[in-house]
Protein backbone atom coordinates (compact mmCIF):
# COMPACT_ATOMS: atom_id res chain seq x y z
CA ILE A 1 0.00 0.00 0.00
CA PRO A 2 1.50 3.42 -0.91
CA PRO A 3 2.35 5.58 2.13
CA TYR A 4 -0.45 8.08 1.51
CA TYR A 5 -3.11 5.40 2.16
CA PRO A 6 -4.10 4.40 5.68
CA ASP A 7 -3.02 0.84 6.40
CA THR A 8 -6.30 -0.72 7.51
CA PRO A 9 -8.05 -4.00 6.66
CA LEU A 10 -10.62 -2.00 4.70
CA VAL A 11 -7.97 -0.33 2.53
CA ARG A 12 -6.09 -3.61 2.12
CA LYS A 13 -9.34 -5.18 0.88
CA ASP A 14 -9.74 -2.37 -1.71
CA TRP A 15 -6.17 -2.92 -2.91
CA ALA A 16 -6.66 -6.69 -3.00
CA ARG A 17 -9.79 -6.23 -5.15
CA TYR A 18 -7.82 -3.95 -7.47
CA PHE A 19 -5.08 -6.58 -7.86
CA ASP A 20 -7.70 -9.33 -8.35
CA LEU A 21 -9.17 -7.30 -11.21
CA ILE A 22 -5.70 -7.02 -12.75
CA SER A 23 -5.40 -10.82 -12.56
CA VAL A 24 -8.73 -11.23 -14.37
CA MET A 25 -7.62 -8.74 -17.00
CA ASP A 26 -4.32 -10.62 -17.43
CA GLY A 27 -6.34 -13.74 -18.22
CA GLN A 28 -8.36 -11.83 -20.82
CA VAL A 29 -5.17 -10.55 -22.47
CA LYS A 30 -3.75 -14.08 -22.48
CA ALA A 31 -6.89 -15.30 -24.27
CA ILE A 32 -6.62 -12.57 -26.93
CA LEU A 33 -2.94 -13.32 -27.52
CA GLY A 34 -3.79 -17.02 -27.69
CA GLN A 35 -6.45 -16.31 -30.32
CA LEU A 36 -3.91 -14.36 -32.40
CA GLU A 37 -1.57 -17.36 -32.15
CA ASP A 38 -4.33 -19.82 -33.11
CA ASP A 39 -5.24 -17.65 -36.10
CA GLY A 40 -1.61 -17.48 -37.26
CA LEU A 41 -1.49 -13.71 -36.76
CA ALA A 42 0.68 -13.40 -33.66
CA ASP A 43 3.97 -12.79 -35.50
CA ARG A 44 2.54 -10.04 -37.70
CA THR A 45 0.31 -8.19 -35.27
CA ILE A 46 1.37 -5.22 -33.15
CA VAL A 47 -0.46 -5.28 -29.82
CA PHE A 48 -0.89 -2.15 -27.70
CA PHE A 49 -1.88 -2.59 -24.07
CA TRP A 50 -2.51 0.41 -21.81
CA GLY A 51 -4.48 1.61 -18.83
CA ASP A 52 -6.68 4.65 -18.95
CA HIS A 53 -5.75 7.30 -16.36
CA GLY A 54 -4.79 5.87 -13.04
CA ARG A 55 -6.30 3.33 -10.73
CA GLY A 56 -9.83 3.88 -9.48
CA LEU A 57 -8.77 4.64 -5.91
CA PRO A 58 -8.30 7.96 -4.12
CA ARG A 59 -5.24 9.87 -5.35
CA GLY A 60 -5.34 7.76 -8.51
CA LYS A 61 -7.90 8.41 -11.22
CA ARG A 62 -8.69 12.13 -11.61
CA PHE A 63 -5.70 13.31 -9.54
CA ALA A 64 -2.89 15.28 -11.22
CA TYR A 65 -0.11 13.31 -9.55
CA ASP A 66 1.99 10.46 -10.92
CA SER A 67 -0.32 8.04 -9.09
CA GLY A 68 -3.20 9.30 -11.26
CA LEU A 69 -1.38 9.91 -14.52
CA LYS A 70 1.33 7.30 -14.85
CA VAL A 71 -0.36 4.35 -16.53
CA PRO A 72 0.85 1.06 -17.99
CA LEU A 73 1.77 1.00 -21.66
CA ILE A 74 3.06 -2.20 -23.22
CA VAL A 75 3.69 -2.72 -26.91
CA ARG A 76 4.23 -6.21 -28.34
CA TRP A 77 5.80 -6.05 -31.78
CA PRO A 78 7.33 -9.42 -32.72
CA GLY A 79 10.66 -9.13 -34.52
CA THR A 80 11.02 -5.42 -33.75
CA ILE A 81 10.70 -4.90 -30.00
CA ALA A 82 12.58 -7.39 -27.84
CA PRO A 83 10.42 -8.95 -25.11
CA GLY A 84 11.14 -7.38 -21.74
CA SER A 85 12.74 -4.25 -23.16
CA VAL A 86 11.97 -0.92 -21.51
CA VAL A 87 11.90 2.58 -23.00
CA ASP A 88 11.83 5.53 -20.61
CA ASP A 89 10.51 8.10 -23.13
CA LEU A 90 7.76 10.42 -21.93
CA VAL A 91 4.60 9.34 -23.75
CA SER A 92 1.09 10.76 -23.65
CA LEU A 93 -1.89 8.55 -24.40
CA MET A 94 -2.71 11.09 -27.14
CA ASP A 95 0.33 9.58 -28.91
CA LEU A 96 -1.45 6.24 -29.47
CA GLY A 97 -3.42 7.43 -32.51
CA PRO A 98 -0.48 8.99 -34.38
CA THR A 99 1.66 5.96 -33.52
CA ALA A 100 -0.91 3.47 -34.87
CA LEU A 101 -1.34 5.52 -38.05
CA THR A 102 2.44 5.76 -38.54
CA LEU A 103 2.89 2.02 -38.08
CA ALA A 104 0.09 1.38 -40.58
CA GLY A 105 1.80 3.66 -43.10
CA VAL A 106 -0.98 6.24 -42.97
CA PRO A 107 -0.05 9.94 -42.81
CA VAL A 108 -0.93 11.57 -39.50
CA PRO A 109 -3.38 14.45 -40.12
CA ALA A 110 -1.97 17.86 -39.19
CA HIS A 111 -4.90 18.56 -36.85
CA MET A 112 -4.22 15.41 -34.79
CA GLN A 113 -2.59 15.97 -31.42
CA GLY A 114 0.14 13.69 -30.13
CA ARG A 115 3.12 12.23 -31.92
CA ALA A 116 4.33 8.80 -32.91
CA PHE A 117 6.54 7.10 -30.36
CA LEU A 118 7.36 4.12 -32.62
CA GLY A 119 8.01 3.57 -36.31
CA ARG A 120 9.75 5.34 -39.15
CA GLY A 121 10.23 9.02 -38.70
CA LYS A 122 9.74 8.85 -34.95
CA PRO A 123 10.75 12.27 -33.60
CA PRO A 124 13.30 12.55 -30.79
CA ALA A 125 11.91 11.78 -27.33
CA ARG A 126 9.95 14.68 -25.93
CA GLU A 127 11.35 16.67 -23.04
CA TYR A 128 7.99 17.34 -21.34
CA VAL A 129 4.55 15.79 -21.12
CA PHE A 130 1.46 17.74 -20.04
CA ALA A 131 -1.81 16.88 -18.32
CA HIS A 132 -4.73 18.58 -16.61
CA ARG A 133 -7.53 18.17 -14.12
CA ASP A 134 -10.81 19.97 -14.67
CA ARG A 135 -14.32 18.60 -14.16
CA MET A 136 -14.65 15.31 -12.33
CA ASP A 137 -18.31 14.32 -12.59
CA GLU A 138 -20.16 16.96 -10.53
CA ALA A 139 -17.02 18.63 -9.08
CA TYR A 140 -14.99 21.35 -10.76
CA ASP A 141 -11.30 21.96 -10.30
CA MET A 142 -8.51 23.34 -12.42
CA MET A 143 -4.96 22.04 -12.33
CA ARG A 144 -2.31 21.94 -15.01
CA THR A 145 0.77 19.79 -14.77
CA VAL A 146 3.98 19.24 -16.66
CA ARG A 147 6.50 16.44 -16.15
CA ASP A 148 10.01 15.91 -17.36
CA ALA A 149 12.09 12.80 -16.75
CA ARG A 150 12.77 13.88 -13.17
CA PHE A 151 10.11 16.21 -11.80
CA ARG A 152 6.38 17.00 -11.95
CA TYR A 153 5.13 20.58 -11.56
CA ILE A 154 1.46 21.14 -10.70
CA LYS A 155 -0.26 24.51 -10.90
CA ASN A 156 -3.46 24.55 -8.85
CA PHE A 157 -5.76 27.36 -9.99
CA TYR A 158 -8.18 26.78 -7.07
CA PRO A 159 -5.96 26.18 -4.03
CA GLY A 160 -8.85 27.01 -1.68
CA ARG A 161 -10.82 23.97 -2.77
CA PRO A 162 -10.46 20.74 -0.79
CA TYR A 163 -7.73 18.34 -1.85
CA ALA A 164 -10.32 15.59 -2.28
CA GLN A 165 -13.55 17.26 -3.34
CA HIS A 166 -16.85 15.49 -2.85
CA ILE A 167 -17.52 13.33 -5.91
CA GLU A 168 -20.49 11.04 -5.36
CA TYR A 169 -18.92 8.15 -7.27
CA MET A 170 -15.73 8.27 -5.19
CA GLU A 171 -17.64 8.61 -1.92
CA GLU A 172 -18.87 5.03 -2.45
CA MET A 173 -15.31 3.66 -2.31
CA PRO A 174 -14.36 2.08 1.00
CA THR A 175 -10.91 3.67 0.94
CA MET A 176 -12.38 7.14 0.41
CA ARG A 177 -14.80 6.56 3.26
CA GLU A 178 -11.84 5.59 5.45
CA TRP A 179 -9.98 8.73 4.42
CA ARG A 180 -13.04 10.84 5.30
CA ARG A 181 -13.51 9.06 8.65
CA ARG A 182 -9.85 9.53 9.61
CA TYR A 183 -9.93 13.17 8.61
CA LYS A 184 -13.03 13.77 10.73
CA ASP A 185 -11.46 11.92 13.70
CA HIS A 186 -8.30 13.99 13.31
CA MET A 187 -10.24 17.29 13.18
CA ASN A 188 -12.26 16.30 16.26
CA ALA A 189 -9.21 15.19 18.28
């Protein structure tokens, strides 16, 4: 459990459920890769695997920190990318579209944001990657963030708003309820 989460059985149960879901997803990916193999397509198919925008736990999804923005991205490209290799380039998920088009030999439209991170004509690795936080369901916020290989800078345009605003969906999470309970206990101590 990361240090910013309370270490309680309730939080451990939330994390265990999260890891159980990853195990189920791993099985689904295995089945898809198996189907490619059975169909004779595995050696000539590029597979992209990524998460969306952070885990669905407090300080993950919707938060402008690495825990909410750093997501898995795996590319399987037989004969081109060695299994187990790692690239530390800064990549935005907006780069997936231009990358897929480039690999398919299709010109990337000028209006399309992002840039190819694989294939012919791949530009040099970017120095910075940007992200933002605005509306989260019924709550409004405004943060902008930039990251380089070493640091993340976050500009909070509404510093007077609570760190974890009330978002009905998140209030149903056991870990968020535990955070709220502990905060209330701390304020009443």
